[in-house]
Amino acid sequence: MTPELVMTIGKSALETVLLISAPMLLLSLATGLMISIFQAVTQINEATLTFVPKIIVTFLALLIFFPWMLRVMLGFTTTLFTNIPSYIH
């Protein structure tokens, strides 16, 4: 295994992690922004008002995007395992 190969595998792994986590993070960010705007307009400063909806939206995003996330993870893992013989040489 060359250092370039290790860097390529690491880069691919990081890209996969970012791709998989993006839907949940972006929806949570959008929800937090909307709630922050609502709090600024109404001057309601309640900590649970931001926490609970973001948790719910993140869970719903996980349920909705889970099949796609699983396909991406399986694709990465399959590629990694099928290329093991070429990594050894």
PDB file of N, CA and C in Angstrom:
ATOM      1  N   MET A   1       0.846  -1.182   0.000  1.00  0.00           N
ATOM      2  CA  MET A   1       0.000   0.000   0.000  1.00  0.00           C
ATOM      3  C   MET A   1       0.887   1.239   0.000  1.00  0.00           C
ATOM      4  N   THR A   2       0.619   2.099  -0.934  1.00  0.00           N
ATOM      5  CA  THR A   2       1.395   3.326  -1.016  1.00  0.00           C
ATOM      6  C   THR A   2       0.702   4.419  -0.217  1.00  0.00           C
ATOM      7  N   PRO A   3       1.442   5.435   0.161  1.00  0.00           N
ATOM      8  CA  PRO A   3       0.812   6.555   0.863  1.00  0.00           C
ATOM      9  C   PRO A   3      -0.271   7.242   0.031  1.00  0.00           C
ATOM     10  N   GLU A   4      -0.081   7.272  -1.282  1.00  0.00           N
ATOM     11  CA  GLU A   4      -1.090   7.887  -2.154  1.00  0.00           C
ATOM     12  C   GLU A   4      -2.398   7.116  -2.115  1.00  0.00           C
ATOM     13  N   LEU A   5      -2.286   5.785  -2.074  1.00  0.00           N
ATOM     14  CA  LEU A   5      -3.476   4.942  -2.009  1.00  0.00           C
ATOM     15  C   LEU A   5      -4.212   5.147  -0.689  1.00  0.00           C
ATOM     16  N   VAL A   6      -3.457   5.233   0.392  1.00  0.00           N
ATOM     17  CA  VAL A   6      -4.071   5.468   1.705  1.00  0.00           C
ATOM     18  C   VAL A   6      -4.772   6.822   1.727  1.00  0.00           C
ATOM     19  N   MET A   7      -4.141   7.827   1.140  1.00  0.00           N
ATOM     20  CA  MET A   7      -4.762   9.161   1.083  1.00  0.00           C
ATOM     21  C   MET A   7      -6.033   9.143   0.222  1.00  0.00           C
ATOM     22  N   THR A   8      -6.006   8.392  -0.871  1.00  0.00           N
ATOM     23  CA  THR A   8      -7.182   8.287  -1.736  1.00  0.00           C
ATOM     24  C   THR A   8      -8.335   7.594  -1.017  1.00  0.00           C
ATOM     25  N   ILE A   9      -8.032   6.519  -0.313  1.00  0.00           N
ATOM     26  CA  ILE A   9      -9.072   5.814   0.436  1.00  0.00           C
ATOM     27  C   ILE A   9      -9.625   6.705   1.550  1.00  0.00           C
ATOM     28  N   GLY A  10      -8.736   7.405   2.253  1.00  0.00           N
ATOM     29  CA  GLY A  10      -9.180   8.322   3.309  1.00  0.00           C
ATOM     30  C   GLY A  10     -10.033   9.450   2.764  1.00  0.00           C
ATOM     31  N   LYS A  11      -9.630   9.996   1.618  1.00  0.00           N
ATOM     32  CA  LYS A  11     -10.405  11.071   0.995  1.00  0.00           C
ATOM     33  C   LYS A  11     -11.780  10.574   0.586  1.00  0.00           C
ATOM     34  N   SER A  12     -11.826   9.386   0.022  1.00  0.00           N
ATOM     35  CA  SER A  12     -13.097   8.795  -0.379  1.00  0.00           C
ATOM     36  C   SER A  12     -13.992   8.529   0.827  1.00  0.00           C
ATOM     37  N   ALA A  13     -13.401   8.084   1.924  1.00  0.00           N
ATOM     38  CA  ALA A  13     -14.173   7.838   3.143  1.00  0.00           C
ATOM     39  C   ALA A  13     -14.744   9.135   3.706  1.00  0.00           C
ATOM     40  N   LEU A  14     -13.936  10.195   3.724  1.00  0.00           N
ATOM     41  CA  LEU A  14     -14.428  11.487   4.221  1.00  0.00           C
ATOM     42  C   LEU A  14     -15.526  12.056   3.328  1.00  0.00           C
ATOM     43  N   GLU A  15     -15.365  11.911   2.013  1.00  0.00           N
ATOM     44  CA  GLU A  15     -16.404  12.378   1.094  1.00  0.00           C
ATOM     45  C   GLU A  15     -17.709  11.623   1.320  1.00  0.00           C
ATOM     46  N   THR A  16     -17.599  10.325   1.560  1.00  0.00           N
ATOM     47  CA  THR A  16     -18.795   9.512   1.813  1.00  0.00           C
ATOM     48  C   THR A  16     -19.476   9.933   3.113  1.00  0.00           C
ATOM     49  N   VAL A  17     -18.692  10.175   4.138  1.00  0.00           N
ATOM     50  CA  VAL A  17     -19.261  10.616   5.421  1.00  0.00           C
ATOM     51  C   VAL A  17     -19.969  11.960   5.272  1.00  0.00           C
ATOM     52  N   LEU A  18     -19.346  12.889   4.572  1.00  0.00           N
ATOM     53  CA  LEU A  18     -19.976  14.195   4.365  1.00  0.00           C
ATOM     54  C   LEU A  18     -21.248  14.074   3.533  1.00  0.00           C
ATOM     55  N   LEU A  19     -21.213  13.228   2.512  1.00  0.00           N
ATOM     56  CA  LEU A  19     -22.382  13.032   1.659  1.00  0.00           C
ATOM     57  C   LEU A  19     -23.529  12.409   2.445  1.00  0.00           C
ATOM     58  N   ILE A  20     -23.226  11.452   3.300  1.00  0.00           N
ATOM     59  CA  ILE A  20     -24.266  10.775   4.070  1.00  0.00           C
ATOM     60  C   ILE A  20     -24.862  11.694   5.139  1.00  0.00           C
ATOM     61  N   SER A  21     -24.035  12.500   5.767  1.00  0.00           N
ATOM     62  CA  SER A  21     -24.533  13.344   6.859  1.00  0.00           C
ATOM     63  C   SER A  21     -25.164  14.644   6.377  1.00  0.00           C
ATOM     64  N   ALA A  22     -24.947  15.015   5.125  1.00  0.00           N
ATOM     65  CA  ALA A  22     -25.426  16.300   4.625  1.00  0.00           C
ATOM     66  C   ALA A  22     -26.938  16.509   4.741  1.00  0.00           C
ATOM     67  N   PRO A  23     -27.789  15.561   4.351  1.00  0.00           N
ATOM     68  CA  PRO A  23     -29.229  15.829   4.448  1.00  0.00           C
ATOM     69  C   PRO A  23     -29.700  16.145   5.868  1.00  0.00           C
ATOM     70  N   MET A  24     -29.234  15.380   6.836  1.00  0.00           N
ATOM     71  CA  MET A  24     -29.666  15.614   8.213  1.00  0.00           C
ATOM     72  C   MET A  24     -29.129  16.946   8.735  1.00  0.00           C
ATOM     73  N   LEU A  25     -27.867  17.232   8.435  1.00  0.00           N
ATOM     74  CA  LEU A  25     -27.277  18.480   8.923  1.00  0.00           C
ATOM     75  C   LEU A  25     -27.922  19.701   8.283  1.00  0.00           C
ATOM     76  N   LEU A  26     -28.176  19.630   6.984  1.00  0.00           N
ATOM     77  CA  LEU A  26     -28.778  20.780   6.299  1.00  0.00           C
ATOM     78  C   LEU A  26     -30.216  21.023   6.756  1.00  0.00           C
ATOM     79  N   LEU A  27     -30.980  19.959   6.930  1.00  0.00           N
ATOM     80  CA  LEU A  27     -32.349  20.148   7.417  1.00  0.00           C
ATOM     81  C   LEU A  27     -32.366  20.652   8.854  1.00  0.00           C
ATOM     82  N   SER A  28     -31.453  20.177   9.665  1.00  0.00           N
ATOM     83  CA  SER A  28     -31.355  20.664  11.046  1.00  0.00           C
ATOM     84  C   SER A  28     -30.938  22.139  11.066  1.00  0.00           C
ATOM     85  N   LEU A  29     -30.021  22.500  10.186  1.00  0.00           N
ATOM     86  CA  LEU A  29     -29.596  23.899  10.087  1.00  0.00           C
ATOM     87  C   LEU A  29     -30.745  24.799   9.649  1.00  0.00           C
ATOM     88  N   ALA A  30     -31.510  24.363   8.648  1.00  0.00           N
ATOM     89  CA  ALA A  30     -32.641  25.158   8.170  1.00  0.00           C
ATOM     90  C   ALA A  30     -33.708  25.305   9.253  1.00  0.00           C
ATOM     91  N   THR A  31     -33.951  24.222   9.985  1.00  0.00           N
ATOM     92  CA  THR A  31     -34.927  24.286  11.072  1.00  0.00           C
ATOM     93  C   THR A  31     -34.465  25.242  12.168  1.00  0.00           C
ATOM     94  N   GLY A  32     -33.206  25.167  12.536  1.00  0.00           N
ATOM     95  CA  GLY A  32     -32.665  26.075  13.551  1.00  0.00           C
ATOM     96  C   GLY A  32     -32.734  27.525  13.113  1.00  0.00           C
ATOM     97  N   LEU A  33     -32.468  27.771  11.830  1.00  0.00           N
ATOM     98  CA  LEU A  33     -32.547  29.146  11.320  1.00  0.00           C
ATOM     99  C   LEU A  33     -33.979  29.671  11.365  1.00  0.00           C
ATOM    100  N   MET A  34     -34.936  28.842  10.959  1.00  0.00           N
ATOM    101  CA  MET A  34     -36.340  29.284  10.998  1.00  0.00           C
ATOM    102  C   MET A  34     -36.793  29.547  12.433  1.00  0.00           C
ATOM    103  N   ILE A  35     -36.407  28.688  13.353  1.00  0.00           N
ATOM    104  CA  ILE A  35     -36.806  28.875  14.750  1.00  0.00           C
ATOM    105  C   ILE A  35     -36.124  30.105  15.339  1.00  0.00           C
ATOM    106  N   SER A  36     -34.873  30.354  14.957  1.00  0.00           N
ATOM    107  CA  SER A  36     -34.182  31.553  15.445  1.00  0.00           C
ATOM    108  C   SER A  36     -34.846  32.819  14.944  1.00  0.00           C
ATOM    109  N   ILE A  37     -35.269  32.804  13.695  1.00  0.00           N
ATOM    110  CA  ILE A  37     -35.996  33.966  13.156  1.00  0.00           C
ATOM    111  C   ILE A  37     -37.313  34.141  13.894  1.00  0.00           C
ATOM    112  N   PHE A  38     -38.020  33.040  14.140  1.00  0.00           N
ATOM    113  CA  PHE A  38     -39.274  33.105  14.895  1.00  0.00           C
ATOM    114  C   PHE A  38     -39.047  33.655  16.294  1.00  0.00           C
ATOM    115  N   GLN A  39     -37.975  33.214  16.954  1.00  0.00           N
ATOM    116  CA  GLN A  39     -37.677  33.705  18.299  1.00  0.00           C
ATOM    117  C   GLN A  39     -37.301  35.177  18.279  1.00  0.00           C
ATOM    118  N   ALA A  40     -36.601  35.620  17.263  1.00  0.00           N
ATOM    119  CA  ALA A  40     -36.215  37.025  17.189  1.00  0.00           C
ATOM    120  C   ALA A  40     -37.435  37.914  16.954  1.00  0.00           C
ATOM    121  N   VAL A  41     -38.361  37.424  16.144  1.00  0.00           N
ATOM    122  CA  VAL A  41     -39.561  38.208  15.846  1.00  0.00           C
ATOM    123  C   VAL A  41     -40.487  38.274  17.052  1.00  0.00           C
ATOM    124  N   THR A  42     -40.673  37.158  17.741  1.00  0.00           N
ATOM    125  CA  THR A  42     -41.616  37.112  18.862  1.00  0.00           C
ATOM    126  C   THR A  42     -40.958  37.390  20.205  1.00  0.00           C
ATOM    127  N   GLN A  43     -39.645  37.464  20.258  1.00  0.00           N
ATOM    128  CA  GLN A  43     -38.870  37.680  21.471  1.00  0.00           C
ATOM    129  C   GLN A  43     -39.115  36.594  22.524  1.00  0.00           C
ATOM    130  N   ILE A  44     -39.338  35.383  22.040  1.00  0.00           N
ATOM    131  CA  ILE A  44     -39.459  34.212  22.928  1.00  0.00           C
ATOM    132  C   ILE A  44     -38.092  33.560  22.979  1.00  0.00           C
ATOM    133  N   ASN A  45     -37.521  33.461  24.163  1.00  0.00           N
ATOM    134  CA  ASN A  45     -36.212  32.831  24.312  1.00  0.00           C
ATOM    135  C   ASN A  45     -36.332  31.588  25.180  1.00  0.00           C
ATOM    136  N   GLU A  46     -36.732  30.511  24.555  1.00  0.00           N
ATOM    137  CA  GLU A  46     -36.883  29.245  25.245  1.00  0.00           C
ATOM    138  C   GLU A  46     -35.924  28.234  24.613  1.00  0.00           C
ATOM    139  N   ALA A  47     -35.106  27.587  25.437  1.00  0.00           N
ATOM    140  CA  ALA A  47     -34.084  26.672  24.914  1.00  0.00           C
ATOM    141  C   ALA A  47     -34.701  25.438  24.271  1.00  0.00           C
ATOM    142  N   THR A  48     -35.781  24.928  24.850  1.00  0.00           N
ATOM    143  CA  THR A  48     -36.388  23.723  24.282  1.00  0.00           C
ATOM    144  C   THR A  48     -37.079  24.006  22.958  1.00  0.00           C
ATOM    145  N   LEU A  49     -37.394  25.263  22.696  1.00  0.00           N
ATOM    146  CA  LEU A  49     -38.034  25.618  21.432  1.00  0.00           C
ATOM    147  C   LEU A  49     -37.096  25.376  20.257  1.00  0.00           C
ATOM    148  N   THR A  50     -35.803  25.462  20.455  1.00  0.00           N
ATOM    149  CA  THR A  50     -34.863  25.168  19.374  1.00  0.00           C
ATOM    150  C   THR A  50     -34.429  23.711  19.380  1.00  0.00           C
ATOM    151  N   PHE A  51     -34.323  23.116  20.539  1.00  0.00           N
ATOM    152  CA  PHE A  51     -33.769  21.772  20.658  1.00  0.00           C
ATOM    153  C   PHE A  51     -34.723  20.694  20.153  1.00  0.00           C
ATOM    154  N   VAL A  52     -35.950  20.712  20.609  1.00  0.00           N
ATOM    155  CA  VAL A  52     -36.902  19.648  20.291  1.00  0.00           C
ATOM    156  C   VAL A  52     -37.232  19.583  18.793  1.00  0.00           C
ATOM    157  N   PRO A  53     -37.558  20.694  18.131  1.00  0.00           N
ATOM    158  CA  PRO A  53     -37.848  20.592  16.694  1.00  0.00           C
ATOM    159  C   PRO A  53     -36.652  20.119  15.867  1.00  0.00           C
ATOM    160  N   LYS A  54     -35.443  20.531  16.249  1.00  0.00           N
ATOM    161  CA  LYS A  54     -34.274  20.072  15.497  1.00  0.00           C
ATOM    162  C   LYS A  54     -34.073  18.574  15.658  1.00  0.00           C
ATOM    163  N   ILE A  55     -34.321  18.045  16.840  1.00  0.00           N
ATOM    164  CA  ILE A  55     -34.216  16.601  17.062  1.00  0.00           C
ATOM    165  C   ILE A  55     -35.260  15.867  16.225  1.00  0.00           C
ATOM    166  N   ILE A  56     -36.475  16.381  16.197  1.00  0.00           N
ATOM    167  CA  ILE A  56     -37.546  15.746  15.429  1.00  0.00           C
ATOM    168  C   ILE A  56     -37.234  15.780  13.936  1.00  0.00           C
ATOM    169  N   VAL A  57     -36.781  16.923  13.432  1.00  0.00           N
ATOM    170  CA  VAL A  57     -36.455  17.046  12.009  1.00  0.00           C
ATOM    171  C   VAL A  57     -35.282  16.142  11.645  1.00  0.00           C
ATOM    172  N   THR A  58     -34.292  16.051  12.500  1.00  0.00           N
ATOM    173  CA  THR A  58     -33.153  15.175  12.234  1.00  0.00           C
ATOM    174  C   THR A  58     -33.601  13.722  12.191  1.00  0.00           C
ATOM    175  N   PHE A  59     -34.464  13.319  13.095  1.00  0.00           N
ATOM    176  CA  PHE A  59     -34.970  11.944  13.096  1.00  0.00           C
ATOM    177  C   PHE A  59     -35.792  11.665  11.845  1.00  0.00           C
ATOM    178  N   LEU A  60     -36.643  12.614  11.447  1.00  0.00           N
ATOM    179  CA  LEU A  60     -37.449  12.438  10.229  1.00  0.00           C
ATOM    180  C   LEU A  60     -36.554  12.373   8.986  1.00  0.00           C
ATOM    181  N   ALA A  61     -35.518  13.202   8.948  1.00  0.00           N
ATOM    182  CA  ALA A  61     -34.586  13.166   7.820  1.00  0.00           C
ATOM    183  C   ALA A  61     -33.874  11.822   7.777  1.00  0.00           C
ATOM    184  N   LEU A  62     -33.525  11.282   8.931  1.00  0.00           N
ATOM    185  CA  LEU A  62     -32.896   9.963   8.975  1.00  0.00           C
ATOM    186  C   LEU A  62     -33.840   8.895   8.431  1.00  0.00           C
ATOM    187  N   LEU A  63     -35.110   8.965   8.805  1.00  0.00           N
ATOM    188  CA  LEU A  63     -36.081   7.997   8.302  1.00  0.00           C
ATOM    189  C   LEU A  63     -36.273   8.121   6.793  1.00  0.00           C
ATOM    190  N   ILE A  64     -36.343   9.347   6.299  1.00  0.00           N
ATOM    191  CA  ILE A  64     -36.601   9.573   4.876  1.00  0.00           C
ATOM    192  C   ILE A  64     -35.391   9.199   4.022  1.00  0.00           C
ATOM    193  N   PHE A  65     -34.194   9.616   4.452  1.00  0.00           N
ATOM    194  CA  PHE A  65     -32.999   9.427   3.641  1.00  0.00           C
ATOM    195  C   PHE A  65     -32.253   8.132   3.938  1.00  0.00           C
ATOM    196  N   PHE A  66     -32.737   7.315   4.872  1.00  0.00           N
ATOM    197  CA  PHE A  66     -32.006   6.111   5.244  1.00  0.00           C
ATOM    198  C   PHE A  66     -31.766   5.142   4.088  1.00  0.00           C
ATOM    199  N   PRO A  67     -32.758   4.878   3.216  1.00  0.00           N
ATOM    200  CA  PRO A  67     -32.465   3.960   2.099  1.00  0.00           C
ATOM    201  C   PRO A  67     -31.343   4.474   1.188  1.00  0.00           C
ATOM    202  N   TRP A  68     -31.359   5.753   0.897  1.00  0.00           N
ATOM    203  CA  TRP A  68     -30.300   6.338   0.071  1.00  0.00           C
ATOM    204  C   TRP A  68     -28.954   6.286   0.791  1.00  0.00           C
ATOM    205  N   MET A  69     -28.944   6.608   2.077  1.00  0.00           N
ATOM    206  CA  MET A  69     -27.709   6.569   2.854  1.00  0.00           C
ATOM    207  C   MET A  69     -27.147   5.148   2.892  1.00  0.00           C
ATOM    208  N   LEU A  70     -28.017   4.171   3.036  1.00  0.00           N
ATOM    209  CA  LEU A  70     -27.581   2.781   3.067  1.00  0.00           C
ATOM    210  C   LEU A  70     -26.974   2.370   1.732  1.00  0.00           C
ATOM    211  N   ARG A  71     -27.591   2.805   0.604  1.00  0.00           N
ATOM    212  CA  ARG A  71     -27.029   2.487  -0.707  1.00  0.00           C
ATOM    213  C   ARG A  71     -25.646   3.097  -0.882  1.00  0.00           C
ATOM    214  N   VAL A  72     -25.467   4.349  -0.426  1.00  0.00           N
ATOM    215  CA  VAL A  72     -24.162   5.005  -0.549  1.00  0.00           C
ATOM    216  C   VAL A  72     -23.120   4.281   0.294  1.00  0.00           C
ATOM    217  N   MET A  73     -23.481   3.933   1.522  1.00  0.00           N
ATOM    218  CA  MET A  73     -22.540   3.215   2.393  1.00  0.00           C
ATOM    219  C   MET A  73     -22.196   1.838   1.835  1.00  0.00           C
ATOM    220  N   LEU A  74     -23.202   1.130   1.326  1.00  0.00           N
ATOM    221  CA  LEU A  74     -22.945  -0.188   0.750  1.00  0.00           C
ATOM    222  C   LEU A  74     -22.087  -0.088  -0.505  1.00  0.00           C
ATOM    223  N   GLY A  75     -22.309   0.940  -1.299  1.00  0.00           N
ATOM    224  CA  GLY A  75     -21.482   1.143  -2.487  1.00  0.00           C
ATOM    225  C   GLY A  75     -20.028   1.389  -2.124  1.00  0.00           C
ATOM    226  N   PHE A  76     -19.805   2.232  -1.134  1.00  0.00           N
ATOM    227  CA  PHE A  76     -18.439   2.510  -0.693  1.00  0.00           C
ATOM    228  C   PHE A  76     -17.776   1.254  -0.138  1.00  0.00           C
ATOM    229  N   THR A  77     -18.503   0.532   0.721  1.00  0.00           N
ATOM    230  CA  THR A  77     -17.947  -0.668   1.340  1.00  0.00           C
ATOM    231  C   THR A  77     -17.688  -1.754   0.308  1.00  0.00           C
ATOM    232  N   THR A  78     -18.605  -1.929  -0.630  1.00  0.00           N
ATOM    233  CA  THR A  78     -18.421  -2.925  -1.681  1.00  0.00           C
ATOM    234  C   THR A  78     -17.204  -2.604  -2.533  1.00  0.00           C
ATOM    235  N   THR A  79     -17.059  -1.343  -2.901  1.00  0.00           N
ATOM    236  CA  THR A  79     -15.891  -0.930  -3.683  1.00  0.00           C
ATOM    237  C   THR A  79     -14.606  -1.172  -2.902  1.00  0.00           C
ATOM    238  N   LEU A  80     -14.637  -0.851  -1.638  1.00  0.00           N
ATOM    239  CA  LEU A  80     -13.454  -1.049  -0.805  1.00  0.00           C
ATOM    240  C   LEU A  80     -13.085  -2.528  -0.709  1.00  0.00           C
ATOM    241  N   PHE A  81     -14.086  -3.382  -0.459  1.00  0.00           N
ATOM    242  CA  PHE A  81     -13.801  -4.809  -0.309  1.00  0.00           C
ATOM    243  C   PHE A  81     -13.410  -5.479  -1.622  1.00  0.00           C
ATOM    244  N   THR A  82     -14.027  -5.076  -2.728  1.00  0.00           N
ATOM    245  CA  THR A  82     -13.675  -5.697  -4.005  1.00  0.00           C
ATOM    246  C   THR A  82     -12.295  -5.279  -4.488  1.00  0.00           C
ATOM    247  N   ASN A  83     -11.800  -4.143  -4.021  1.00  0.00           N
ATOM    248  CA  ASN A  83     -10.475  -3.675  -4.432  1.00  0.00           C
ATOM    249  C   ASN A  83      -9.358  -4.116  -3.491  1.00  0.00           C
ATOM    250  N   ILE A  84      -9.660  -4.900  -2.477  1.00  0.00           N
ATOM    251  CA  ILE A  84      -8.632  -5.357  -1.542  1.00  0.00           C
ATOM    252  C   ILE A  84      -7.483  -6.090  -2.244  1.00  0.00           C
ATOM    253  N   PRO A  85      -7.760  -6.985  -3.201  1.00  0.00           N
ATOM    254  CA  PRO A  85      -6.627  -7.650  -3.871  1.00  0.00           C
ATOM    255  C   PRO A  85      -5.694  -6.667  -4.599  1.00  0.00           C
ATOM    256  N   SER A  86      -6.261  -5.620  -5.182  1.00  0.00           N
ATOM    257  CA  SER A  86      -5.400  -4.654  -5.861  1.00  0.00           C
ATOM    258  C   SER A  86      -4.668  -3.762  -4.852  1.00  0.00           C
ATOM    259  N   TYR A  87      -5.224  -3.584  -3.674  1.00  0.00           N
ATOM    260  CA  TYR A  87      -4.532  -2.792  -2.644  1.00  0.00           C
ATOM    261  C   TYR A  87      -3.316  -3.523  -2.109  1.00  0.00           C
ATOM    262  N   ILE A  88      -3.400  -4.847  -2.059  1.00  0.00           N
ATOM    263  CA  ILE A  88      -2.312  -5.646  -1.494  1.00  0.00           C
ATOM    264  C   ILE A  88      -1.085  -5.630  -2.413  1.00  0.00           C
ATOM    265  N   HIS A  89      -1.313  -5.667  -3.706  1.00  0.00           N
ATOM    266  CA  HIS A  89      -0.183  -5.740  -4.656  1.00  0.00           C
ATOM    267  C   HIS A  89       0.453  -4.419  -4.849  1.00  0.00           C
TER     268      HIS A  89
END
